[in-house]
N, C-alpha and C. Protein backbone atom coordinates (compact mmCIF):
# COMPACT_ATOMS: atom_id res chain seq x y z
N LEU A 1 20.98 -36.45 -17.00
CA LEU A 1 19.95 -36.15 -15.91
C LEU A 1 18.47 -36.11 -16.72
N LEU A 2 17.65 -37.16 -16.20
CA LEU A 2 16.35 -37.21 -16.84
C LEU A 2 15.37 -36.60 -15.80
N ILE A 3 14.46 -35.76 -16.42
CA ILE A 3 13.50 -34.96 -15.65
C ILE A 3 12.18 -35.59 -15.95
N PRO A 4 11.45 -36.02 -15.10
CA PRO A 4 9.99 -36.57 -15.30
C PRO A 4 9.20 -35.45 -16.12
N MET A 5 8.32 -36.02 -16.95
CA MET A 5 7.53 -35.28 -17.79
C MET A 5 6.63 -34.19 -17.06
N TRP A 6 6.21 -34.63 -15.90
CA TRP A 6 5.16 -33.81 -15.14
C TRP A 6 5.90 -32.60 -14.62
N VAL A 7 7.43 -32.51 -14.59
CA VAL A 7 7.85 -31.46 -13.89
C VAL A 7 7.73 -30.22 -14.81
N SER A 8 7.82 -30.25 -16.06
CA SER A 8 7.83 -29.01 -16.86
C SER A 8 6.49 -28.40 -16.74
N PRO A 9 5.29 -29.01 -16.80
CA PRO A 9 3.88 -28.35 -16.54
C PRO A 9 3.82 -27.64 -15.10
N VAL A 10 4.42 -28.42 -14.10
CA VAL A 10 4.50 -27.83 -12.79
C VAL A 10 5.29 -26.77 -12.66
N LEU A 11 6.32 -26.80 -13.36
CA LEU A 11 7.29 -25.61 -13.25
C LEU A 11 6.64 -24.55 -13.97
N VAL A 12 6.27 -24.69 -15.13
CA VAL A 12 5.57 -23.52 -15.93
C VAL A 12 4.56 -22.87 -15.00
N ALA A 13 3.43 -23.83 -14.30
CA ALA A 13 2.56 -23.25 -13.48
C ALA A 13 2.97 -22.43 -12.50
N VAL A 14 4.15 -22.80 -11.75
CA VAL A 14 4.73 -22.26 -10.79
C VAL A 14 5.34 -20.86 -11.12
N VAL A 15 6.01 -20.80 -12.22
CA VAL A 15 6.61 -19.49 -12.65
C VAL A 15 5.41 -18.57 -13.24
N LEU A 16 4.31 -19.12 -13.79
CA LEU A 16 3.22 -18.18 -14.08
C LEU A 16 2.57 -17.74 -12.91
N ALA A 17 2.37 -18.52 -11.83
CA ALA A 17 1.69 -18.06 -10.53
C ALA A 17 2.62 -16.97 -10.07
N ALA A 18 3.90 -17.20 -9.87
CA ALA A 18 4.95 -16.31 -9.33
C ALA A 18 4.82 -14.93 -10.15
N SER A 19 4.73 -15.05 -11.34
CA SER A 19 4.67 -13.83 -12.22
C SER A 19 3.37 -13.15 -12.01
N ALA A 20 2.38 -13.82 -12.02
CA ALA A 20 0.99 -13.13 -11.69
C ALA A 20 0.94 -12.36 -10.40
N ALA A 21 1.49 -13.19 -9.29
CA ALA A 21 1.60 -12.46 -7.90
C ALA A 21 2.42 -11.30 -8.13
N ALA A 22 3.50 -11.30 -8.53
CA ALA A 22 4.39 -10.26 -8.69
C ALA A 22 3.70 -8.93 -9.48
N ALA A 23 2.96 -9.32 -10.42
CA ALA A 23 2.30 -8.23 -11.25
C ALA A 23 1.22 -7.69 -10.32
N ALA A 24 0.53 -8.56 -9.53
CA ALA A 24 -0.54 -8.02 -8.67
C ALA A 24 -0.04 -7.08 -7.73
N ALA A 25 1.06 -7.46 -7.07
CA ALA A 25 1.71 -6.79 -6.04
C ALA A 25 2.24 -5.13 -6.66
N ALA A 26 2.79 -5.36 -7.78
CA ALA A 26 3.14 -4.07 -8.42
C ALA A 26 1.87 -3.19 -8.80
N SER A 27 0.98 -3.85 -9.28
CA SER A 27 -0.28 -2.99 -9.35
C SER A 27 -0.89 -2.58 -8.13
N LEU A 28 -0.91 -3.24 -6.90
CA LEU A 28 -1.46 -2.74 -5.73
C LEU A 28 -0.56 -1.49 -5.38
N GLU A 29 0.82 -1.68 -5.42
CA GLU A 29 1.47 -0.53 -4.97
C GLU A 29 1.41 0.64 -5.93
N GLN A 30 1.25 0.51 -7.18
CA GLN A 30 1.04 1.60 -8.08
C GLN A 30 -0.35 2.37 -7.78
N ASP A 31 -1.36 1.46 -7.36
CA ASP A 31 -2.70 2.07 -7.06
C ASP A 31 -2.50 2.78 -5.82
N ALA A 32 -1.92 2.21 -4.94
CA ALA A 32 -1.64 2.91 -3.62
C ALA A 32 -1.06 4.37 -3.67
N LYS A 33 0.07 4.35 -4.49
CA LYS A 33 0.79 5.63 -4.90
C LYS A 33 -0.19 6.67 -5.49
N ASP A 34 -0.97 6.09 -6.36
CA ASP A 34 -1.84 7.08 -7.18
C ASP A 34 -2.89 7.69 -6.30
N ILE A 35 -3.63 6.78 -5.41
CA ILE A 35 -4.47 7.26 -4.29
C ILE A 35 -3.80 8.34 -3.47
N LEU A 36 -2.60 8.08 -2.91
CA LEU A 36 -2.00 8.87 -1.93
C LEU A 36 -1.57 10.31 -2.59
N THR A 37 -1.21 10.22 -3.85
CA THR A 37 -0.79 11.57 -4.66
C THR A 37 -2.06 12.27 -4.68
N ARG A 38 -3.30 11.57 -5.36
CA ARG A 38 -4.48 12.29 -5.48
C ARG A 38 -5.21 12.81 -4.24
N ARG A 39 -5.09 12.03 -3.32
CA ARG A 39 -5.93 12.36 -1.99
C ARG A 39 -5.38 12.74 -0.79
N CYS A 40 -3.95 12.56 -0.61
CA CYS A 40 -3.24 12.66 0.52
C CYS A 40 -2.29 13.74 0.66
N LEU A 41 -1.41 13.93 -0.49
CA LEU A 41 -0.24 14.67 -0.46
C LEU A 41 -0.60 16.16 -0.41
N ALA A 42 -1.72 16.78 -0.70
CA ALA A 42 -2.09 17.98 -0.55
C ALA A 42 -1.86 18.50 0.97
N CYS A 43 -2.20 17.56 1.92
CA CYS A 43 -2.14 17.94 3.45
C CYS A 43 -0.75 17.21 3.92
N HIS A 44 -0.21 16.14 3.29
CA HIS A 44 0.85 15.29 4.06
C HIS A 44 2.04 15.00 2.94
N SER A 45 2.47 16.19 2.46
CA SER A 45 3.70 16.16 1.64
C SER A 45 4.80 16.56 2.48
N PRO A 46 6.03 16.57 1.89
CA PRO A 46 7.35 17.07 2.59
C PRO A 46 7.21 18.50 2.99
N GLN A 47 6.57 19.31 1.88
CA GLN A 47 6.47 20.82 2.21
C GLN A 47 5.40 21.09 3.34
N VAL A 48 4.19 20.26 3.41
CA VAL A 48 3.10 20.75 4.15
C VAL A 48 3.09 20.02 5.58
N LYS A 49 3.22 18.67 5.46
CA LYS A 49 3.31 17.78 6.75
C LYS A 49 2.34 18.15 7.82
N THR A 50 0.99 18.10 7.42
CA THR A 50 -0.06 18.38 8.43
C THR A 50 0.07 17.37 9.69
N SER A 51 0.14 17.81 10.82
CA SER A 51 0.33 16.86 11.94
C SER A 51 1.73 16.28 12.05
N GLY A 52 2.55 16.91 11.38
CA GLY A 52 4.02 16.43 11.08
C GLY A 52 4.15 15.14 10.29
N LEU A 53 3.02 14.79 9.59
CA LEU A 53 2.93 13.55 8.76
C LEU A 53 3.31 13.96 7.24
N ASP A 54 4.27 13.06 6.73
CA ASP A 54 4.61 13.23 5.33
C ASP A 54 4.50 11.80 4.61
N LEU A 55 3.53 11.55 3.76
CA LEU A 55 2.97 10.40 3.25
C LEU A 55 3.76 10.34 1.69
N SER A 56 4.83 11.14 1.61
CA SER A 56 5.35 11.01 0.00
C SER A 56 6.30 9.81 -0.17
N SER A 57 6.72 9.00 1.01
CA SER A 57 7.52 8.03 0.60
C SER A 57 7.30 6.96 1.84
N ARG A 58 7.63 5.68 1.49
CA ARG A 58 7.42 4.53 2.57
C ARG A 58 8.20 5.02 3.92
N GLU A 59 9.33 5.35 3.72
CA GLU A 59 10.13 5.79 4.99
C GLU A 59 9.44 6.90 5.81
N SER A 60 9.01 7.78 5.03
CA SER A 60 8.52 8.88 6.01
C SER A 60 7.25 8.55 6.49
N ALA A 61 6.37 7.73 5.84
CA ALA A 61 5.17 7.15 6.33
C ALA A 61 5.43 6.32 7.60
N LEU A 62 6.67 5.37 7.63
CA LEU A 62 7.00 4.71 8.72
C LEU A 62 7.41 5.59 9.90
N ARG A 63 8.15 6.53 9.58
CA ARG A 63 8.53 7.59 10.71
C ARG A 63 7.26 8.22 11.28
N GLY A 64 6.21 8.48 10.55
CA GLY A 64 5.05 8.97 11.10
C GLY A 64 5.01 10.52 11.39
N GLY A 65 4.04 10.91 12.25
CA GLY A 65 3.81 12.06 12.51
C GLY A 65 3.66 12.39 13.93
N LEU A 66 2.80 13.37 14.45
CA LEU A 66 2.65 13.60 15.81
C LEU A 66 1.98 12.42 16.55
N LYS A 67 1.11 11.47 15.79
CA LYS A 67 0.58 10.56 16.41
C LYS A 67 1.25 9.25 16.19
N GLY A 68 2.36 9.20 15.77
CA GLY A 68 3.27 7.97 15.62
C GLY A 68 3.27 7.54 14.15
N PRO A 69 3.67 6.32 14.13
CA PRO A 69 3.89 5.69 12.60
C PRO A 69 2.59 5.58 11.90
N ALA A 70 2.40 6.04 10.59
CA ALA A 70 1.20 5.82 9.76
C ALA A 70 1.09 4.46 9.35
N LEU A 71 2.13 3.61 9.27
CA LEU A 71 2.17 2.25 8.68
C LEU A 71 2.75 1.42 9.73
N LYS A 72 2.23 0.00 9.77
CA LYS A 72 2.82 -0.84 10.52
C LYS A 72 3.10 -2.01 9.49
N PRO A 73 4.14 -2.25 9.07
CA PRO A 73 4.53 -3.22 8.06
C PRO A 73 4.04 -4.79 8.59
N GLY A 74 3.49 -5.42 7.98
CA GLY A 74 3.10 -6.81 8.30
C GLY A 74 1.92 -6.79 9.44
N ALA A 75 1.36 -5.68 9.72
CA ALA A 75 0.31 -5.69 10.73
C ALA A 75 -0.67 -4.54 10.28
N ALA A 76 -1.37 -4.75 9.06
CA ALA A 76 -2.17 -3.68 8.63
C ALA A 76 -3.27 -3.38 9.48
N ALA A 77 -3.83 -4.24 10.33
CA ALA A 77 -4.91 -3.91 11.40
C ALA A 77 -4.32 -2.98 12.31
N GLY A 78 -3.14 -2.68 12.56
CA GLY A 78 -2.51 -1.77 13.53
C GLY A 78 -2.04 -0.68 12.81
N SER A 79 -2.35 -0.39 11.59
CA SER A 79 -1.94 0.83 10.96
C SER A 79 -2.70 1.98 11.22
N LEU A 80 -2.25 3.20 11.63
CA LEU A 80 -2.97 4.28 11.89
C LEU A 80 -3.61 4.84 10.72
N LEU A 81 -2.80 4.78 9.63
CA LEU A 81 -3.34 5.31 8.40
C LEU A 81 -4.53 4.66 8.00
N LEU A 82 -4.58 3.20 7.84
CA LEU A 82 -5.70 2.37 7.27
C LEU A 82 -6.98 2.61 8.33
N ALA A 83 -6.60 2.70 9.70
CA ALA A 83 -7.61 3.03 10.66
C ALA A 83 -8.36 4.49 10.37
N ARG A 84 -7.56 5.38 10.02
CA ARG A 84 -8.08 6.63 9.92
C ARG A 84 -9.18 6.68 8.68
N ILE A 85 -8.53 5.98 7.53
CA ILE A 85 -9.22 5.94 6.25
C ILE A 85 -10.60 5.06 6.48
N ALA A 86 -10.44 3.98 7.15
CA ALA A 86 -11.69 3.09 7.46
C ALA A 86 -12.75 3.84 8.09
N SER A 87 -12.27 4.62 9.09
CA SER A 87 -13.23 5.27 10.01
C SER A 87 -13.91 6.57 9.18
N GLY A 88 -13.35 6.68 8.11
CA GLY A 88 -13.96 7.94 7.30
C GLY A 88 -13.25 9.27 7.72
N GLN A 89 -12.36 9.36 8.70
CA GLN A 89 -11.76 10.54 9.15
C GLN A 89 -10.71 11.10 8.07
N MET A 90 -10.27 10.20 7.27
CA MET A 90 -9.22 10.50 6.28
C MET A 90 -9.69 10.08 4.94
N PRO A 91 -9.58 11.03 3.88
CA PRO A 91 -9.16 12.34 3.89
C PRO A 91 -10.49 13.09 4.43
N PRO A 92 -10.45 14.25 5.15
CA PRO A 92 -11.60 14.82 5.92
C PRO A 92 -12.54 15.47 4.91
N SER A 93 -12.15 15.93 3.88
CA SER A 93 -12.94 16.55 2.88
C SER A 93 -13.89 15.78 2.09
N LYS A 94 -13.32 14.47 1.72
CA LYS A 94 -14.12 13.62 0.99
C LYS A 94 -13.47 12.11 1.30
N PRO A 95 -14.29 11.26 2.17
CA PRO A 95 -13.68 10.11 2.62
C PRO A 95 -13.37 9.09 1.32
N LEU A 96 -12.56 8.13 1.39
CA LEU A 96 -12.21 7.36 0.41
C LEU A 96 -13.36 6.50 0.10
N PRO A 97 -13.87 6.11 -1.17
CA PRO A 97 -14.90 5.19 -1.28
C PRO A 97 -14.26 3.72 -1.17
N PRO A 98 -15.18 2.70 -0.74
CA PRO A 98 -14.76 1.32 -0.55
C PRO A 98 -13.85 0.70 -1.48
N ALA A 99 -13.95 1.00 -2.70
CA ALA A 99 -13.13 0.54 -3.60
C ALA A 99 -11.69 1.03 -3.63
N GLU A 100 -11.53 2.26 -3.22
CA GLU A 100 -10.18 2.75 -2.97
C GLU A 100 -9.56 2.27 -1.67
N GLN A 101 -10.26 2.00 -0.69
CA GLN A 101 -9.86 1.60 0.67
C GLN A 101 -9.33 0.25 0.55
N GLU A 102 -9.75 -0.42 -0.30
CA GLU A 102 -9.20 -1.84 -0.46
C GLU A 102 -7.86 -1.86 -1.16
């Protein structure tokens, strides 16, 4: 089987792009976990659950609290959590700076 010479550089580029995307996604997930831990879990943990909301796991955030699910996968614009953060309502004591909102 003969492989054209251009395939190797293209394949390498595709693999590198996929690897970079995976690393970026992992970094975003870790950043989100860090922010939630620092800024949200004092009021929205399994032990406290202010307004019935536990943000300690994806599953509990999807279940939501008294006002419904905190997250809407695939529809960030419809996420109650993101809407409350963007409006400056959450966290109530010190809203997230723009860099942490993104």
